[in-house]
Amino acid sequence: MAAFQRNKHENLKEQALTYLGGKKCKRCKNDGLHYAAYDFHHIKGDKENNISKLSNWKKIKKELDKHECIVVCSNCHRE
């Protein structure tokens, strides 16, 4: 992946994390981890898109809002 794409992906994920309240797991309350350690969990309905595959903020925000996503650490998300 090109550096530009990687930076764009990182920026979009950071923006999504900030939009949902920051880097803090809603389940175990773990915070301060690297941004990549957090996942977005859809709590309402079936997810239509994988947020990590979306490439613009408008589409990401729509997915976050439509399915009432929350931030969880990757450990909690796997459980």
Protein backbone atom coordinates (compact mmCIF):
# COMPACT_ATOMS: atom_id res chain seq x y z
CA MET A 1 0.00 0.00 0.00
CA ALA A 2 1.36 3.39 -0.93
CA ALA A 3 2.30 5.80 1.85
CA PHE A 4 -0.44 8.22 0.75
CA GLN A 5 -3.11 5.52 0.99
CA ARG A 6 -1.83 4.33 4.34
CA ASN A 7 -1.87 7.88 5.72
CA LYS A 8 -5.36 8.50 4.32
CA HIS A 9 -6.60 5.27 5.97
CA GLU A 10 -4.98 6.20 9.27
CA ASN A 11 -6.48 9.69 9.15
CA LEU A 12 -9.97 8.37 8.38
CA LYS A 13 -9.81 5.84 11.22
CA GLU A 14 -8.54 8.49 13.65
CA GLN A 15 -11.38 10.77 12.53
CA ALA A 16 -13.94 7.99 13.06
CA LEU A 17 -12.53 7.20 16.51
CA THR A 18 -12.70 10.87 17.47
CA TYR A 19 -16.27 11.13 16.13
CA LEU A 20 -17.31 8.22 18.39
CA GLY A 21 -15.67 9.66 21.49
CA GLY A 22 -12.02 8.77 21.18
CA LYS A 23 -9.75 5.79 21.67
CA LYS A 24 -11.49 4.03 24.55
CA CYS A 25 -13.10 0.60 24.53
CA LYS A 26 -16.78 0.81 25.51
CA ARG A 27 -16.57 -2.66 27.05
CA CYS A 28 -13.34 -2.90 29.07
CA LYS A 29 -12.58 0.87 29.14
CA ASN A 30 -9.05 0.28 27.85
CA ASP A 31 -7.70 3.52 26.39
CA GLY A 32 -4.51 4.91 24.97
CA LEU A 33 -3.77 1.98 22.67
CA HIS A 34 -2.52 2.46 19.14
CA TYR A 35 -5.39 3.44 16.83
CA ALA A 36 -5.12 0.07 15.02
CA ALA A 37 -6.06 -1.79 18.22
CA TYR A 38 -9.63 -0.45 18.08
CA ASP A 39 -12.54 -1.80 16.05
CA PHE A 40 -15.97 -0.47 15.22
CA HIS A 41 -18.80 -2.69 16.44
CA HIS A 42 -22.21 -2.38 14.79
CA ILE A 43 -24.87 -2.65 17.52
CA LYS A 44 -27.95 -1.97 15.40
CA GLY A 45 -28.93 -3.94 12.32
CA ASP A 46 -26.68 -5.72 9.89
CA LYS A 47 -23.62 -3.87 8.73
CA GLU A 48 -23.73 -2.89 5.10
CA ASN A 49 -20.08 -1.95 4.71
CA ASN A 50 -16.80 -2.80 6.34
CA ILE A 51 -15.71 0.59 7.67
CA SER A 52 -12.04 -0.18 7.08
CA LYS A 53 -12.75 -0.62 3.36
CA LEU A 54 -14.53 2.72 2.92
CA SER A 55 -12.41 5.50 1.48
CA ASN A 56 -14.25 8.72 2.26
CA TRP A 57 -15.51 10.35 5.44
CA LYS A 58 -19.09 10.86 4.23
CA LYS A 59 -19.59 7.11 3.68
CA ILE A 60 -17.86 6.21 6.95
CA LYS A 61 -20.00 8.64 8.96
CA LYS A 62 -23.17 7.28 7.35
CA GLU A 63 -22.20 3.72 8.34
CA LEU A 64 -21.27 4.76 11.89
CA ASP A 65 -24.57 6.59 12.38
CA LYS A 66 -26.87 4.13 10.66
CA HIS A 67 -25.75 1.14 12.69
CA GLU A 68 -24.98 2.92 15.97
CA CYS A 69 -21.38 1.80 15.99
CA ILE A 70 -19.29 1.82 19.15
CA VAL A 71 -15.54 1.63 19.67
CA VAL A 72 -14.20 -1.57 21.20
CA CYS A 73 -10.66 -2.87 21.50
CA SER A 74 -9.82 -5.78 19.24
CA ASN A 75 -9.73 -8.21 22.20
CA CYS A 76 -13.27 -7.38 23.28
CA HIS A 77 -14.51 -7.41 19.69
CA ARG A 78 -13.23 -10.96 19.22
CA GLU A 79 -14.96 -12.12 22.42
